[in-house]
Structures are given as structure tokens and as C-alpha cells.
Amino acid sequence: HREEFDDILNEYSKTWKVSRLPKVTLAIFYVALYEMEYV
């Protein structure tokens, strides 16, 4: 679901787009979004 999560982050992140986020932060976002949507 990575592309889906990228779209969500690009919509709700006002200051940084996915391509500019630190990898650690992005991994944390991905896990949280997966849990919010699918667990």
C-alpha cells in the first residue's frame, strides 16, 4: 500500500512532500498508516 500512503502523506503534509521526508520519519508514517487503515 506504499503508493496509497504516499498520496495520503502528500495531501496532509503541509511542509514536506514524501520525496523530502527523512527515511526514518517516512517508515514511521507507513507503519502508522497501515495500522490505522488495515489493522
PDB file of all heavy atoms in Angstrom:
ATOM      1  N   HIS A   1       0.804  -1.228   0.000  1.00  0.00           N
ATOM      2  CA  HIS A   1       0.000   0.000   0.000  1.00  0.00           C
ATOM      3  C   HIS A   1       0.839   1.282   0.000  1.00  0.00           C
ATOM      4  O   HIS A   1       0.315   2.365   0.283  1.00  0.00           O
ATOM      5  CB  HIS A   1      -0.930   0.002   1.224  1.00  0.00           C
ATOM      6  CG  HIS A   1      -1.918  -1.109   1.202  1.00  0.00           C
ATOM      7  ND1 HIS A   1      -3.055  -1.072   0.440  1.00  0.00           N
ATOM      8  CD2 HIS A   1      -1.915  -2.314   1.833  1.00  0.00           C
ATOM      9  CE1 HIS A   1      -3.729  -2.192   0.611  1.00  0.00           C
ATOM     10  NE2 HIS A   1      -3.053  -2.976   1.450  1.00  0.00           N
ATOM     11  N   ARG A   2       2.082   1.172  -0.339  1.00  0.00           N
ATOM     12  CA  ARG A   2       3.005   2.311  -0.253  1.00  0.00           C
ATOM     13  C   ARG A   2       2.541   3.516  -1.082  1.00  0.00           C
ATOM     14  O   ARG A   2       2.592   4.650  -0.613  1.00  0.00           O
ATOM     15  CB  ARG A   2       4.378   1.850  -0.704  1.00  0.00           C
ATOM     16  CG  ARG A   2       5.491   2.695  -0.250  1.00  0.00           C
ATOM     17  CD  ARG A   2       6.786   1.964  -0.550  1.00  0.00           C
ATOM     18  NE  ARG A   2       7.901   2.691  -0.034  1.00  0.00           N
ATOM     19  CZ  ARG A   2       9.079   2.181   0.146  1.00  0.00           C
ATOM     20  NH1 ARG A   2       9.301   0.930  -0.144  1.00  0.00           N
ATOM     21  NH2 ARG A   2      10.045   2.911   0.609  1.00  0.00           N
ATOM     22  N   GLU A   3       2.089   3.285  -2.291  1.00  0.00           N
ATOM     23  CA  GLU A   3       1.625   4.397  -3.133  1.00  0.00           C
ATOM     24  C   GLU A   3       0.421   5.097  -2.510  1.00  0.00           C
ATOM     25  O   GLU A   3       0.321   6.326  -2.543  1.00  0.00           O
ATOM     26  CB  GLU A   3       1.298   3.902  -4.536  1.00  0.00           C
ATOM     27  CG  GLU A   3       2.524   3.555  -5.347  1.00  0.00           C
ATOM     28  CD  GLU A   3       2.179   3.103  -6.751  1.00  0.00           C
ATOM     29  OE1 GLU A   3       1.093   3.458  -7.252  1.00  0.00           O
ATOM     30  OE2 GLU A   3       3.009   2.391  -7.346  1.00  0.00           O
ATOM     31  N   GLU A   4      -0.490   4.322  -1.960  1.00  0.00           N
ATOM     32  CA  GLU A   4      -1.657   4.879  -1.268  1.00  0.00           C
ATOM     33  C   GLU A   4      -1.215   5.766  -0.106  1.00  0.00           C
ATOM     34  O   GLU A   4      -1.722   6.884   0.071  1.00  0.00           O
ATOM     35  CB  GLU A   4      -2.535   3.740  -0.760  1.00  0.00           C
ATOM     36  CG  GLU A   4      -3.667   4.146   0.140  1.00  0.00           C
ATOM     37  CD  GLU A   4      -4.331   2.946   0.811  1.00  0.00           C
ATOM     38  OE1 GLU A   4      -4.111   1.787   0.393  1.00  0.00           O
ATOM     39  OE2 GLU A   4      -5.071   3.191   1.781  1.00  0.00           O
ATOM     40  N   PHE A   5      -0.249   5.298   0.671  1.00  0.00           N
ATOM     41  CA  PHE A   5       0.243   6.064   1.812  1.00  0.00           C
ATOM     42  C   PHE A   5       0.995   7.309   1.363  1.00  0.00           C
ATOM     43  O   PHE A   5       0.896   8.357   1.992  1.00  0.00           O
ATOM     44  CB  PHE A   5       1.111   5.192   2.716  1.00  0.00           C
ATOM     45  CG  PHE A   5       0.385   4.006   3.298  1.00  0.00           C
ATOM     46  CD1 PHE A   5       1.079   2.862   3.619  1.00  0.00           C
ATOM     47  CD2 PHE A   5      -0.989   4.022   3.515  1.00  0.00           C
ATOM     48  CE1 PHE A   5       0.429   1.757   4.164  1.00  0.00           C
ATOM     49  CE2 PHE A   5      -1.654   2.929   4.056  1.00  0.00           C
ATOM     50  CZ  PHE A   5      -0.942   1.797   4.376  1.00  0.00           C
ATOM     51  N   ASP A   6       1.722   7.209   0.262  1.00  0.00           N
ATOM     52  CA  ASP A   6       2.403   8.388  -0.282  1.00  0.00           C
ATOM     53  C   ASP A   6       1.389   9.465  -0.658  1.00  0.00           C
ATOM     54  O   ASP A   6       1.594  10.652  -0.388  1.00  0.00           O
ATOM     55  CB  ASP A   6       3.243   8.019  -1.506  1.00  0.00           C
ATOM     56  CG  ASP A   6       4.512   7.273  -1.153  1.00  0.00           C
ATOM     57  OD1 ASP A   6       4.880   7.229   0.040  1.00  0.00           O
ATOM     58  OD2 ASP A   6       5.149   6.729  -2.089  1.00  0.00           O
ATOM     59  N   ASP A   7       0.287   9.065  -1.271  1.00  0.00           N
ATOM     60  CA  ASP A   7      -0.762  10.017  -1.640  1.00  0.00           C
ATOM     61  C   ASP A   7      -1.348  10.699  -0.403  1.00  0.00           C
ATOM     62  O   ASP A   7      -1.572  11.915  -0.400  1.00  0.00           O
ATOM     63  CB  ASP A   7      -1.878   9.327  -2.424  1.00  0.00           C
ATOM     64  CG  ASP A   7      -1.441   8.874  -3.808  1.00  0.00           C
ATOM     65  OD1 ASP A   7      -0.408   9.371  -4.311  1.00  0.00           O
ATOM     66  OD2 ASP A   7      -2.134   8.011  -4.381  1.00  0.00           O
ATOM     67  N   ILE A   8      -1.597   9.918   0.638  1.00  0.00           N
ATOM     68  CA  ILE A   8      -2.132  10.479   1.886  1.00  0.00           C
ATOM     69  C   ILE A   8      -1.143  11.481   2.473  1.00  0.00           C
ATOM     70  O   ILE A   8      -1.524  12.598   2.845  1.00  0.00           O
ATOM     71  CB  ILE A   8      -2.441   9.355   2.905  1.00  0.00           C
ATOM     72  CG1 ILE A   8      -3.632   8.515   2.431  1.00  0.00           C
ATOM     73  CG2 ILE A   8      -2.708   9.942   4.303  1.00  0.00           C
ATOM     74  CD1 ILE A   8      -3.830   7.225   3.214  1.00  0.00           C
ATOM     75  N   LEU A   9       0.111  11.099   2.546  1.00  0.00           N
ATOM     76  CA  LEU A   9       1.123  11.990   3.131  1.00  0.00           C
ATOM     77  C   LEU A   9       1.302  13.255   2.302  1.00  0.00           C
ATOM     78  O   LEU A   9       1.438  14.349   2.859  1.00  0.00           O
ATOM     79  CB  LEU A   9       2.448  11.254   3.289  1.00  0.00           C
ATOM     80  CG  LEU A   9       2.437  10.137   4.327  1.00  0.00           C
ATOM     81  CD1 LEU A   9       3.728   9.345   4.266  1.00  0.00           C
ATOM     82  CD2 LEU A   9       2.213  10.707   5.723  1.00  0.00           C
ATOM     83  N   ASN A  10       1.285  13.122   1.001  1.00  0.00           N
ATOM     84  CA  ASN A  10       1.422  14.312   0.155  1.00  0.00           C
ATOM     85  C   ASN A  10       0.234  15.255   0.305  1.00  0.00           C
ATOM     86  O   ASN A  10       0.378  16.464   0.186  1.00  0.00           O
ATOM     87  CB  ASN A  10       1.616  13.912  -1.308  1.00  0.00           C
ATOM     88  CG  ASN A  10       3.017  13.445  -1.601  1.00  0.00           C
ATOM     89  OD1 ASN A  10       3.982  13.922  -1.008  1.00  0.00           O
ATOM     90  ND2 ASN A  10       3.145  12.504  -2.515  1.00  0.00           N
ATOM     91  N   GLU A  11      -0.921  14.702   0.611  1.00  0.00           N
ATOM     92  CA  GLU A  11      -2.107  15.541   0.813  1.00  0.00           C
ATOM     93  C   GLU A  11      -2.105  16.232   2.176  1.00  0.00           C
ATOM     94  O   GLU A  11      -2.463  17.405   2.287  1.00  0.00           O
ATOM     95  CB  GLU A  11      -3.374  14.694   0.666  1.00  0.00           C
ATOM     96  CG  GLU A  11      -4.643  15.502   0.859  1.00  0.00           C
ATOM     97  CD  GLU A  11      -5.904  14.672   0.687  1.00  0.00           C
ATOM     98  OE1 GLU A  11      -5.828  13.537   0.187  1.00  0.00           O
ATOM     99  OE2 GLU A  11      -6.977  15.186   1.073  1.00  0.00           O
ATOM    100  N   TYR A  12      -1.714  15.523   3.222  1.00  0.00           N
ATOM    101  CA  TYR A  12      -1.853  16.055   4.576  1.00  0.00           C
ATOM    102  C   TYR A  12      -0.591  16.713   5.138  1.00  0.00           C
ATOM    103  O   TYR A  12      -0.671  17.425   6.126  1.00  0.00           O
ATOM    104  CB  TYR A  12      -2.342  14.962   5.533  1.00  0.00           C
ATOM    105  CG  TYR A  12      -3.785  14.654   5.283  1.00  0.00           C
ATOM    106  CD1 TYR A  12      -4.166  13.631   4.420  1.00  0.00           C
ATOM    107  CD2 TYR A  12      -4.796  15.433   5.852  1.00  0.00           C
ATOM    108  CE1 TYR A  12      -5.496  13.375   4.156  1.00  0.00           C
ATOM    109  CE2 TYR A  12      -6.123  15.188   5.600  1.00  0.00           C
ATOM    110  CZ  TYR A  12      -6.471  14.156   4.742  1.00  0.00           C
ATOM    111  OH  TYR A  12      -7.782  13.917   4.478  1.00  0.00           O
ATOM    112  N   SER A  13       0.524  16.485   4.529  1.00  0.00           N
ATOM    113  CA  SER A  13       1.751  17.137   4.984  1.00  0.00           C
ATOM    114  C   SER A  13       1.847  18.503   4.321  1.00  0.00           C
ATOM    115  O   SER A  13       1.970  18.606   3.100  1.00  0.00           O
ATOM    116  CB  SER A  13       2.973  16.298   4.608  1.00  0.00           C
ATOM    117  OG  SER A  13       4.143  16.993   4.944  1.00  0.00           O
ATOM    118  N   LYS A  14       1.779  19.541   5.115  1.00  0.00           N
ATOM    119  CA  LYS A  14       1.774  20.900   4.579  1.00  0.00           C
ATOM    120  C   LYS A  14       3.174  21.419   4.260  1.00  0.00           C
ATOM    121  O   LYS A  14       3.329  22.314   3.453  1.00  0.00           O
ATOM    122  CB  LYS A  14       1.096  21.863   5.574  1.00  0.00           C
ATOM    123  CG  LYS A  14      -0.318  21.481   5.919  1.00  0.00           C
ATOM    124  CD  LYS A  14      -1.197  21.467   4.693  1.00  0.00           C
ATOM    125  CE  LYS A  14      -2.623  21.125   5.069  1.00  0.00           C
ATOM    126  NZ  LYS A  14      -3.389  20.583   3.987  1.00  0.00           N
ATOM    127  N   THR A  15       4.196  20.867   4.900  1.00  0.00           N
ATOM    128  CA  THR A  15       5.533  21.417   4.717  1.00  0.00           C
ATOM    129  C   THR A  15       6.463  20.539   3.888  1.00  0.00           C
ATOM    130  O   THR A  15       7.335  21.058   3.218  1.00  0.00           O
ATOM    131  CB  THR A  15       6.200  21.671   6.088  1.00  0.00           C
ATOM    132  OG1 THR A  15       6.170  20.471   6.846  1.00  0.00           O
ATOM    133  CG2 THR A  15       5.469  22.766   6.839  1.00  0.00           C
ATOM    134  N   TRP A  16       6.305  19.231   3.951  1.00  0.00           N
ATOM    135  CA  TRP A  16       7.213  18.331   3.249  1.00  0.00           C
ATOM    136  C   TRP A  16       6.433  17.318   2.421  1.00  0.00           C
ATOM    137  O   TRP A  16       5.460  16.757   2.902  1.00  0.00           O
ATOM    138  CB  TRP A  16       8.088  17.568   4.232  1.00  0.00           C
ATOM    139  CG  TRP A  16       8.983  18.418   5.042  1.00  0.00           C
ATOM    140  CD1 TRP A  16       8.738  18.909   6.295  1.00  0.00           C
ATOM    141  CD2 TRP A  16      10.267  18.915   4.674  1.00  0.00           C
ATOM    142  NE1 TRP A  16       9.792  19.663   6.726  1.00  0.00           N
ATOM    143  CE2 TRP A  16      10.757  19.686   5.746  1.00  0.00           C
ATOM    144  CE3 TRP A  16      11.064  18.779   3.544  1.00  0.00           C
ATOM    145  CZ2 TRP A  16      11.992  20.315   5.716  1.00  0.00           C
ATOM    146  CZ3 TRP A  16      12.298  19.404   3.512  1.00  0.00           C
ATOM    147  CH2 TRP A  16      12.741  20.159   4.590  1.00  0.00           C
ATOM    148  N   LYS A  17       6.892  17.081   1.232  1.00  0.00           N
ATOM    149  CA  LYS A  17       6.346  16.010   0.407  1.00  0.00           C
ATOM    150  C   LYS A  17       7.127  14.735   0.703  1.00  0.00           C
ATOM    151  O   LYS A  17       8.227  14.772   1.251  1.00  0.00           O
ATOM    152  CB  LYS A  17       6.420  16.365  -1.077  1.00  0.00           C
ATOM    153  CG  LYS A  17       5.550  17.564  -1.426  1.00  0.00           C
ATOM    154  CD  LYS A  17       4.107  17.293  -1.061  1.00  0.00           C
ATOM    155  CE  LYS A  17       3.228  18.506  -1.245  1.00  0.00           C
ATOM    156  NZ  LYS A  17       1.979  18.416  -0.525  1.00  0.00           N
ATOM    157  N   VAL A  18       6.589  13.614   0.322  1.00  0.00           N
ATOM    158  CA  VAL A  18       7.187  12.317   0.620  1.00  0.00           C
ATOM    159  C   VAL A  18       8.641  12.249   0.162  1.00  0.00           C
ATOM    160  O   VAL A  18       9.501  11.731   0.867  1.00  0.00           O
ATOM    161  CB  VAL A  18       6.356  11.179  -0.019  1.00  0.00           C
ATOM    162  CG1 VAL A  18       7.080   9.856   0.015  1.00  0.00           C
ATOM    163  CG2 VAL A  18       5.009  11.069   0.680  1.00  0.00           C
ATOM    164  N   SER A  19       8.918  12.785  -0.994  1.00  0.00           N
ATOM    165  CA  SER A  19      10.274  12.708  -1.543  1.00  0.00           C
ATOM    166  C   SER A  19      11.297  13.450  -0.695  1.00  0.00           C
ATOM    167  O   SER A  19      12.500  13.214  -0.812  1.00  0.00           O
ATOM    168  CB  SER A  19      10.296  13.245  -2.969  1.00  0.00           C
ATOM    169  OG  SER A  19       9.887  14.606  -2.985  1.00  0.00           O
ATOM    170  N   ARG A  20      10.850  14.345   0.171  1.00  0.00           N
ATOM    171  CA  ARG A  20      11.748  15.147   1.004  1.00  0.00           C
ATOM    172  C   ARG A  20      11.819  14.690   2.459  1.00  0.00           C
ATOM    173  O   ARG A  20      12.633  15.201   3.224  1.00  0.00           O
ATOM    174  CB  ARG A  20      11.291  16.614   0.983  1.00  0.00           C
ATOM    175  CG  ARG A  20      11.203  17.263  -0.369  1.00  0.00           C
ATOM    176  CD  ARG A  20      12.501  17.786  -0.802  1.00  0.00           C
ATOM    177  NE  ARG A  20      13.073  18.567   0.289  1.00  0.00           N
ATOM    178  CZ  ARG A  20      13.895  19.542   0.151  1.00  0.00           C
ATOM    179  NH1 ARG A  20      14.287  19.888  -1.031  1.00  0.00           N
ATOM    180  NH2 ARG A  20      14.384  20.176   1.184  1.00  0.00           N
ATOM    181  N   LEU A  21      10.977  13.750   2.841  1.00  0.00           N
ATOM    182  CA  LEU A  21      10.950  13.298   4.233  1.00  0.00           C
ATOM    183  C   LEU A  21      12.141  12.394   4.537  1.00  0.00           C
ATOM    184  O   LEU A  21      12.540  11.582   3.703  1.00  0.00           O
ATOM    185  CB  LEU A  21       9.665  12.516   4.519  1.00  0.00           C
ATOM    186  CG  LEU A  21       8.392  13.332   4.620  1.00  0.00           C
ATOM    187  CD1 LEU A  21       7.182  12.411   4.688  1.00  0.00           C
ATOM    188  CD2 LEU A  21       8.436  14.233   5.841  1.00  0.00           C
ATOM    189  N   PRO A  22      12.693  12.513   5.754  1.00  0.00           N
ATOM    190  CA  PRO A  22      13.732  11.559   6.168  1.00  0.00           C
ATOM    191  C   PRO A  22      13.167  10.140   6.157  1.00  0.00           C
ATOM    192  O   PRO A  22      11.991   9.914   6.464  1.00  0.00           O
ATOM    193  CB  PRO A  22      14.070  11.998   7.592  1.00  0.00           C
ATOM    194  CG  PRO A  22      13.592  13.406   7.702  1.00  0.00           C
ATOM    195  CD  PRO A  22      12.416  13.521   6.779  1.00  0.00           C
ATOM    196  N   LYS A  23      13.994   9.187   5.809  1.00  0.00           N
ATOM    197  CA  LYS A  23      13.548   7.789   5.686  1.00  0.00           C
ATOM    198  C   LYS A  23      12.996   7.237   7.001  1.00  0.00           C
ATOM    199  O   LYS A  23      12.035   6.477   7.001  1.00  0.00           O
ATOM    200  CB  LYS A  23      14.688   6.899   5.191  1.00  0.00           C
ATOM    201  CG  LYS A  23      15.253   7.300   3.841  1.00  0.00           C
ATOM    202  CD  LYS A  23      14.233   7.227   2.756  1.00  0.00           C
ATOM    203  CE  LYS A  23      14.882   7.496   1.406  1.00  0.00           C
ATOM    204  NZ  LYS A  23      14.031   8.230   0.508  1.00  0.00           N
ATOM    205  N   VAL A  24      13.582   7.627   8.112  1.00  0.00           N
ATOM    206  CA  VAL A  24      13.084   7.165   9.411  1.00  0.00           C
ATOM    207  C   VAL A  24      11.653   7.653   9.620  1.00  0.00           C
ATOM    208  O   VAL A  24      10.757   6.883   9.983  1.00  0.00           O
ATOM    209  CB  VAL A  24      13.997   7.641  10.559  1.00  0.00           C
ATOM    210  CG1 VAL A  24      13.341   7.422  11.912  1.00  0.00           C
ATOM    211  CG2 VAL A  24      15.341   6.936  10.501  1.00  0.00           C
ATOM    212  N   THR A  25      11.435   8.918   9.366  1.00  0.00           N
ATOM    213  CA  THR A  25      10.103   9.508   9.531  1.00  0.00           C
ATOM    214  C   THR A  25       9.108   8.852   8.589  1.00  0.00           C
ATOM    215  O   THR A  25       7.976   8.536   8.979  1.00  0.00           O
ATOM    216  CB  THR A  25      10.165  11.025   9.287  1.00  0.00           C
ATOM    217  OG1 THR A  25      11.128  11.585  10.186  1.00  0.00           O
ATOM    218  CG2 THR A  25       8.820  11.690   9.493  1.00  0.00           C
ATOM    219  N   LEU A  26       9.518   8.628   7.374  1.00  0.00           N
ATOM    220  CA  LEU A  26       8.639   8.006   6.387  1.00  0.00           C
ATOM    221  C   LEU A  26       8.261   6.587   6.806  1.00  0.00           C
ATOM    222  O   LEU A  26       7.094   6.199   6.708  1.00  0.00           O
ATOM    223  CB  LEU A  26       9.335   8.008   5.020  1.00  0.00           C
ATOM    224  CG  LEU A  26       8.497   7.671   3.814  1.00  0.00           C
ATOM    225  CD1 LEU A  26       7.264   8.557   3.712  1.00  0.00           C
ATOM    226  CD2 LEU A  26       9.351   7.796   2.560  1.00  0.00           C
ATOM    227  N   ALA A  27       9.213   5.826   7.308  1.00  0.00           N
ATOM    228  CA  ALA A  27       8.922   4.460   7.765  1.00  0.00           C
ATOM    229  C   ALA A  27       7.928   4.478   8.929  1.00  0.00           C
ATOM    230  O   ALA A  27       7.022   3.644   8.999  1.00  0.00           O
ATOM    231  CB  ALA A  27      10.211   3.750   8.164  1.00  0.00           C
ATOM    232  N   ILE A  28       8.076   5.438   9.827  1.00  0.00           N
ATOM    233  CA  ILE A  28       7.141   5.566  10.948  1.00  0.00           C
ATOM    234  C   ILE A  28       5.742   5.891  10.423  1.00  0.00           C
ATOM    235  O   ILE A  28       4.748   5.289  10.861  1.00  0.00           O
ATOM    236  CB  ILE A  28       7.622   6.638  11.947  1.00  0.00           C
ATOM    237  CG1 ILE A  28       8.907   6.172  12.641  1.00  0.00           C
ATOM    238  CG2 ILE A  28       6.531   6.951  12.983  1.00  0.00           C
ATOM    239  CD1 ILE A  28       9.628   7.251  13.434  1.00  0.00           C
ATOM    240  N   PHE A  29       5.657   6.826   9.490  1.00  0.00           N
ATOM    241  CA  PHE A  29       4.363   7.154   8.882  1.00  0.00           C
ATOM    242  C   PHE A  29       3.732   5.923   8.242  1.00  0.00           C
ATOM    243  O   PHE A  29       2.538   5.668   8.408  1.00  0.00           O
ATOM    244  CB  PHE A  29       4.526   8.230   7.800  1.00  0.00           C
ATOM    245  CG  PHE A  29       4.403   9.637   8.284  1.00  0.00           C
ATOM    246  CD1 PHE A  29       5.378  10.575   7.953  1.00  0.00           C
ATOM    247  CD2 PHE A  29       3.313  10.069   9.017  1.00  0.00           C
ATOM    248  CE1 PHE A  29       5.270  11.894   8.362  1.00  0.00           C
ATOM    249  CE2 PHE A  29       3.188  11.380   9.434  1.00  0.00           C
ATOM    250  CZ  PHE A  29       4.172  12.293   9.102  1.00  0.00           C
ATOM    251  N   TYR A  30       4.503   5.169   7.480  1.00  0.00           N
ATOM    252  CA  TYR A  30       3.963   4.000   6.782  1.00  0.00           C
ATOM    253  C   TYR A  30       3.371   2.981   7.758  1.00  0.00           C
ATOM    254  O   TYR A  30       2.277   2.475   7.537  1.00  0.00           O
ATOM    255  CB  TYR A  30       5.043   3.321   5.941  1.00  0.00           C
ATOM    256  CG  TYR A  30       5.423   4.030   4.664  1.00  0.00           C
ATOM    257  CD1 TYR A  30       6.612   3.714   4.026  1.00  0.00           C
ATOM    258  CD2 TYR A  30       4.614   4.989   4.066  1.00  0.00           C
ATOM    259  CE1 TYR A  30       6.989   4.325   2.842  1.00  0.00           C
ATOM    260  CE2 TYR A  30       4.985   5.611   2.888  1.00  0.00           C
ATOM    261  CZ  TYR A  30       6.168   5.267   2.274  1.00  0.00           C
ATOM    262  OH  TYR A  30       6.526   5.880   1.093  1.00  0.00           O
ATOM    263  N   VAL A  31       4.089   2.693   8.818  1.00  0.00           N
ATOM    264  CA  VAL A  31       3.592   1.723   9.799  1.00  0.00           C
ATOM    265  C   VAL A  31       2.302   2.243  10.445  1.00  0.00           C
ATOM    266  O   VAL A  31       1.318   1.514  10.573  1.00  0.00           O
ATOM    267  CB  VAL A  31       4.667   1.389  10.855  1.00  0.00           C
ATOM    268  CG1 VAL A  31       4.075   0.583  12.005  1.00  0.00           C
ATOM    269  CG2 VAL A  31       5.828   0.643  10.213  1.00  0.00           C
ATOM    270  N   ALA A  32       2.295   3.506  10.830  1.00  0.00           N
ATOM    271  CA  ALA A  32       1.105   4.080  11.469  1.00  0.00           C
ATOM    272  C   ALA A  32      -0.094   4.074  10.519  1.00  0.00           C
ATOM    273  O   ALA A  32      -1.205   3.704  10.915  1.00  0.00           O
ATOM    274  CB  ALA A  32       1.396   5.500  11.941  1.00  0.00           C
ATOM    275  N   LEU A  33       0.128   4.474   9.278  1.00  0.00           N
ATOM    276  CA  LEU A  33      -0.977   4.499   8.315  1.00  0.00           C
ATOM    277  C   LEU A  33      -1.495   3.085   8.036  1.00  0.00           C
ATOM    278  O   LEU A  33      -2.707   2.891   7.917  1.00  0.00           O
ATOM    279  CB  LEU A  33      -0.547   5.187   7.019  1.00  0.00           C
ATOM    280  CG  LEU A  33      -0.402   6.696   7.126  1.00  0.00           C
ATOM    281  CD1 LEU A  33       0.300   7.267   5.894  1.00  0.00           C
ATOM    282  CD2 LEU A  33      -1.762   7.364   7.318  1.00  0.00           C
ATOM    283  N   TYR A  34      -0.594   2.132   7.955  1.00  0.00           N
ATOM    284  CA  TYR A  34      -1.049   0.752   7.759  1.00  0.00           C
ATOM    285  C   TYR A  34      -1.916   0.306   8.934  1.00  0.00           C
ATOM    286  O   TYR A  34      -2.991  -0.274   8.743  1.00  0.00           O
ATOM    287  CB  TYR A  34       0.132  -0.208   7.560  1.00  0.00           C
ATOM    288  CG  TYR A  34      -0.354  -1.607   7.309  1.00  0.00           C
ATOM    289  CD1 TYR A  34      -0.803  -1.979   6.045  1.00  0.00           C
ATOM    290  CD2 TYR A  34      -0.437  -2.536   8.333  1.00  0.00           C
ATOM    291  CE1 TYR A  34      -1.301  -3.248   5.812  1.00  0.00           C
ATOM    292  CE2 TYR A  34      -0.925  -3.810   8.110  1.00  0.00           C
ATOM    293  CZ  TYR A  34      -1.364  -4.158   6.842  1.00  0.00           C
ATOM    294  OH  TYR A  34      -1.876  -5.412   6.622  1.00  0.00           O
ATOM    295  N   GLU A  35      -1.466   0.586  10.133  1.00  0.00           N
ATOM    296  CA  GLU A  35      -2.251   0.202  11.306  1.00  0.00           C
ATOM    297  C   GLU A  35      -3.595   0.928  11.329  1.00  0.00           C
ATOM    298  O   GLU A  35      -4.627   0.322  11.651  1.00  0.00           O
ATOM    299  CB  GLU A  35      -1.481   0.485  12.588  1.00  0.00           C
ATOM    300  CG  GLU A  35      -0.336  -0.467  12.818  1.00  0.00           C
ATOM    301  CD  GLU A  35       0.355  -0.254  14.142  1.00  0.00           C
ATOM    302  OE1 GLU A  35       0.523   0.911  14.568  1.00  0.00           O
ATOM    303  OE2 GLU A  35       0.736  -1.268  14.763  1.00  0.00           O
ATOM    304  N   MET A  36      -3.600   2.197  10.986  1.00  0.00           N
ATOM    305  CA  MET A  36      -4.847   2.973  11.001  1.00  0.00           C
ATOM    306  C   MET A  36      -5.845   2.460   9.966  1.00  0.00           C
ATOM    307  O   MET A  36      -7.052   2.456  10.210  1.00  0.00           O
ATOM    308  CB  MET A  36      -4.547   4.453  10.744  1.00  0.00           C
ATOM    309  CG  MET A  36      -3.807   5.123  11.885  1.00  0.00           C
ATOM    310  SD  MET A  36      -3.219   6.784  11.460  1.00  0.00           S
ATOM    311  CE  MET A  36      -4.766   7.704  11.546  1.00  0.00           C
ATOM    312  N   GLU A  37      -5.350   2.021   8.839  1.00  0.00           N
ATOM    313  CA  GLU A  37      -6.228   1.612   7.745  1.00  0.00           C
ATOM    314  C   GLU A  37      -6.571   0.128   7.731  1.00  0.00           C
ATOM    315  O   GLU A  37      -7.654  -0.247   7.310  1.00  0.00           O
ATOM    316  CB  GLU A  37      -5.590   1.987   6.397  1.00  0.00           C
ATOM    317  CG  GLU A  37      -5.538   3.470   6.141  1.00  0.00           C
ATOM    318  CD  GLU A  37      -6.928   4.086   6.070  1.00  0.00           C
ATOM    319  OE1 GLU A  37      -7.811   3.525   5.389  1.00  0.00           O
ATOM    320  OE2 GLU A  37      -7.133   5.130   6.710  1.00  0.00           O
ATOM    321  N   TYR A  38      -5.650  -0.721   8.154  1.00  0.00           N
ATOM    322  CA  TYR A  38      -5.811  -2.147   7.894  1.00  0.00           C
ATOM    323  C   TYR A  38      -5.719  -3.066   9.107  1.00  0.00           C
ATOM    324  O   TYR A  38      -5.899  -4.271   8.956  1.00  0.00           O
ATOM    325  CB  TYR A  38      -4.779  -2.589   6.843  1.00  0.00           C
ATOM    326  CG  TYR A  38      -4.993  -1.888   5.529  1.00  0.00           C
ATOM    327  CD1 TYR A  38      -4.171  -0.834   5.143  1.00  0.00           C
ATOM    328  CD2 TYR A  38      -6.031  -2.256   4.682  1.00  0.00           C
ATOM    329  CE1 TYR A  38      -4.376  -0.171   3.945  1.00  0.00           C
ATOM    330  CE2 TYR A  38      -6.244  -1.601   3.472  1.00  0.00           C
ATOM    331  CZ  TYR A  38      -5.405  -0.561   3.121  1.00  0.00           C
ATOM    332  OH  TYR A  38      -5.620   0.095   1.937  1.00  0.00           O
ATOM    333  N   VAL A  39      -5.432  -2.540  10.283  1.00  0.00           N
ATOM    334  CA  VAL A  39      -5.353  -3.401  11.476  1.00  0.00           C
ATOM    335  C   VAL A  39      -6.492  -2.997  12.413  1.00  0.00           C
ATOM    336  O   VAL A  39      -6.396  -2.003  13.133  1.00  0.00           O
ATOM    337  CB  VAL A  39      -3.978  -3.272  12.177  1.00  0.00           C
ATOM    338  CG1 VAL A  39      -3.921  -4.204  13.381  1.00  0.00           C
ATOM    339  CG2 VAL A  39      -2.836  -3.577  11.212  1.00  0.00           C
TER     340      VAL A  39
END
